[in-house]
Amino acid sequence: MEKTKRVRRKTKAGAAFGKVLRDLRTAKGWTQEELAFEVDLERTYISLLERGRGQPTLSAILQIADRIGISPADLINRVVGVLGSTKR
């Protein structure tokens, strides 16, 4: 059986989450590796999220929000805000 390569496509929601995540991470002065360590995720997963090529799990959203010091609702609201600003 031939193995097919899965292509991760960028979505608007994924791109918005990635922008918010990158902004929050850099505001903390963390590298992707440091954030990954803080939230117990792989650095490559953080990179995928920041590039809008991955969709965060609920667990990842909760872990990221907790370690960054904001509520999960605030994190999602920031993403919605970015999505809203791109519709204009």
C-alpha atoms as a PDB file:
ATOM      1  CA  MET A   1       0.000   0.000   0.000  1.00  0.00           C
ATOM      2  CA  GLU A   2       1.394   3.355  -1.034  1.00  0.00           C
ATOM      3  CA  LYS A   3       1.684   5.944   1.693  1.00  0.00           C
ATOM      4  CA  THR A   4       0.329   9.359   0.748  1.00  0.00           C
ATOM      5  CA  LYS A   5       1.709  12.564   2.120  1.00  0.00           C
ATOM      6  CA  ARG A   6      -0.844  14.626   3.996  1.00  0.00           C
ATOM      7  CA  VAL A   7      -0.814  18.276   3.012  1.00  0.00           C
ATOM      8  CA  ARG A   8      -1.697  20.714   5.762  1.00  0.00           C
ATOM      9  CA  ARG A   9      -3.695  23.558   4.320  1.00  0.00           C
ATOM     10  CA  LYS A  10      -3.788  26.981   5.855  1.00  0.00           C
ATOM     11  CA  THR A  11      -7.226  28.089   7.058  1.00  0.00           C
ATOM     12  CA  LYS A  12      -8.388  31.576   8.053  1.00  0.00           C
ATOM     13  CA  ALA A  13      -9.081  30.419  11.606  1.00  0.00           C
ATOM     14  CA  GLY A  14      -5.739  28.627  11.765  1.00  0.00           C
ATOM     15  CA  ALA A  15      -3.895  31.690  10.477  1.00  0.00           C
ATOM     16  CA  ALA A  16      -5.682  33.908  13.024  1.00  0.00           C
ATOM     17  CA  PHE A  17      -4.828  31.533  15.877  1.00  0.00           C
ATOM     18  CA  GLY A  18      -1.234  31.442  14.664  1.00  0.00           C
ATOM     19  CA  LYS A  19      -0.960  35.238  14.639  1.00  0.00           C
ATOM     20  CA  VAL A  20      -2.380  35.489  18.156  1.00  0.00           C
ATOM     21  CA  LEU A  21      -0.132  32.703  19.420  1.00  0.00           C
ATOM     22  CA  ARG A  22       2.992  34.252  17.872  1.00  0.00           C
ATOM     23  CA  ASP A  23       2.129  37.698  19.268  1.00  0.00           C
ATOM     24  CA  LEU A  24       1.555  36.304  22.777  1.00  0.00           C
ATOM     25  CA  ARG A  25       4.706  34.168  22.653  1.00  0.00           C
ATOM     26  CA  THR A  26       6.930  37.011  21.487  1.00  0.00           C
ATOM     27  CA  ALA A  27       5.400  39.368  24.076  1.00  0.00           C
ATOM     28  CA  LYS A  28       6.648  36.891  26.702  1.00  0.00           C
ATOM     29  CA  GLY A  29      10.055  36.891  25.033  1.00  0.00           C
ATOM     30  CA  TRP A  30       9.866  33.141  24.433  1.00  0.00           C
ATOM     31  CA  THR A  31      11.148  31.151  21.499  1.00  0.00           C
ATOM     32  CA  GLN A  32       8.941  28.454  20.011  1.00  0.00           C
ATOM     33  CA  GLU A  33      11.072  25.920  21.851  1.00  0.00           C
ATOM     34  CA  GLU A  34      10.579  27.687  25.194  1.00  0.00           C
ATOM     35  CA  LEU A  35       6.811  27.857  24.693  1.00  0.00           C
ATOM     36  CA  ALA A  36       6.736  24.190  23.697  1.00  0.00           C
ATOM     37  CA  PHE A  37       8.593  23.300  26.896  1.00  0.00           C
ATOM     38  CA  GLU A  38       6.235  25.411  29.006  1.00  0.00           C
ATOM     39  CA  VAL A  39       3.113  23.776  27.592  1.00  0.00           C
ATOM     40  CA  ASP A  40       4.586  20.265  27.161  1.00  0.00           C
ATOM     41  CA  LEU A  41       4.078  20.174  23.388  1.00  0.00           C
ATOM     42  CA  GLU A  42       6.465  19.614  20.492  1.00  0.00           C
ATOM     43  CA  ARG A  43       8.189  22.650  18.995  1.00  0.00           C
ATOM     44  CA  THR A  44       7.132  21.491  15.540  1.00  0.00           C
ATOM     45  CA  TYR A  45       3.483  21.562  16.671  1.00  0.00           C
ATOM     46  CA  ILE A  46       3.913  25.160  17.886  1.00  0.00           C
ATOM     47  CA  SER A  47       5.459  26.011  14.512  1.00  0.00           C
ATOM     48  CA  LEU A  48       2.538  24.415  12.636  1.00  0.00           C
ATOM     49  CA  LEU A  49       0.064  26.360  14.774  1.00  0.00           C
ATOM     50  CA  GLU A  50       1.863  29.671  14.247  1.00  0.00           C
ATOM     51  CA  ARG A  51       1.957  29.131  10.480  1.00  0.00           C
ATOM     52  CA  GLY A  52      -1.757  28.333  10.410  1.00  0.00           C
ATOM     53  CA  ARG A  53      -1.049  24.801   9.203  1.00  0.00           C
ATOM     54  CA  GLY A  54      -2.453  23.065  12.258  1.00  0.00           C
ATOM     55  CA  GLN A  55      -5.593  23.279  14.350  1.00  0.00           C
ATOM     56  CA  PRO A  56      -5.077  23.381  18.120  1.00  0.00           C
ATOM     57  CA  THR A  57      -6.773  20.791  20.259  1.00  0.00           C
ATOM     58  CA  LEU A  58      -8.894  21.906  23.177  1.00  0.00           C
ATOM     59  CA  SER A  59      -6.195  20.574  25.463  1.00  0.00           C
ATOM     60  CA  ALA A  60      -3.550  22.663  23.675  1.00  0.00           C
ATOM     61  CA  ILE A  61      -5.700  25.806  23.935  1.00  0.00           C
ATOM     62  CA  LEU A  62      -6.134  25.263  27.672  1.00  0.00           C
ATOM     63  CA  GLN A  63      -2.419  24.587  28.241  1.00  0.00           C
ATOM     64  CA  ILE A  64      -1.263  27.548  26.157  1.00  0.00           C
ATOM     65  CA  ALA A  65      -3.676  29.997  27.793  1.00  0.00           C
ATOM     66  CA  ASP A  66      -2.697  28.811  31.276  1.00  0.00           C
ATOM     67  CA  ARG A  67       1.059  29.144  30.745  1.00  0.00           C
ATOM     68  CA  ILE A  68       0.771  32.480  28.948  1.00  0.00           C
ATOM     69  CA  GLY A  69      -1.378  33.791  31.778  1.00  0.00           C
ATOM     70  CA  ILE A  70      -4.688  34.514  30.079  1.00  0.00           C
ATOM     71  CA  SER A  71      -8.029  32.753  30.153  1.00  0.00           C
ATOM     72  CA  PRO A  72      -8.907  30.348  27.354  1.00  0.00           C
ATOM     73  CA  ALA A  73     -11.869  32.620  26.572  1.00  0.00           C
ATOM     74  CA  ASP A  74      -9.525  35.606  26.155  1.00  0.00           C
ATOM     75  CA  LEU A  75      -7.318  33.567  23.832  1.00  0.00           C
ATOM     76  CA  ILE A  76     -10.285  32.595  21.656  1.00  0.00           C
ATOM     77  CA  ASN A  77     -11.700  36.141  21.742  1.00  0.00           C
ATOM     78  CA  ARG A  78      -8.376  37.447  20.432  1.00  0.00           C
ATOM     79  CA  VAL A  79      -8.556  34.950  17.577  1.00  0.00           C
ATOM     80  CA  VAL A  80     -12.130  36.025  16.809  1.00  0.00           C
ATOM     81  CA  GLY A  81     -10.959  39.648  16.861  1.00  0.00           C
ATOM     82  CA  VAL A  82      -8.267  38.900  14.286  1.00  0.00           C
ATOM     83  CA  LEU A  83     -10.795  37.039  12.143  1.00  0.00           C
ATOM     84  CA  GLY A  84     -13.173  39.987  12.359  1.00  0.00           C
ATOM     85  CA  SER A  85     -10.510  42.461  11.336  1.00  0.00           C
ATOM     86  CA  THR A  86      -9.649  40.416   8.238  1.00  0.00           C
ATOM     87  CA  LYS A  87     -13.255  40.420   6.958  1.00  0.00           C
ATOM     88  CA  ARG A  88     -13.255  44.149   6.285  1.00  0.00           C
END
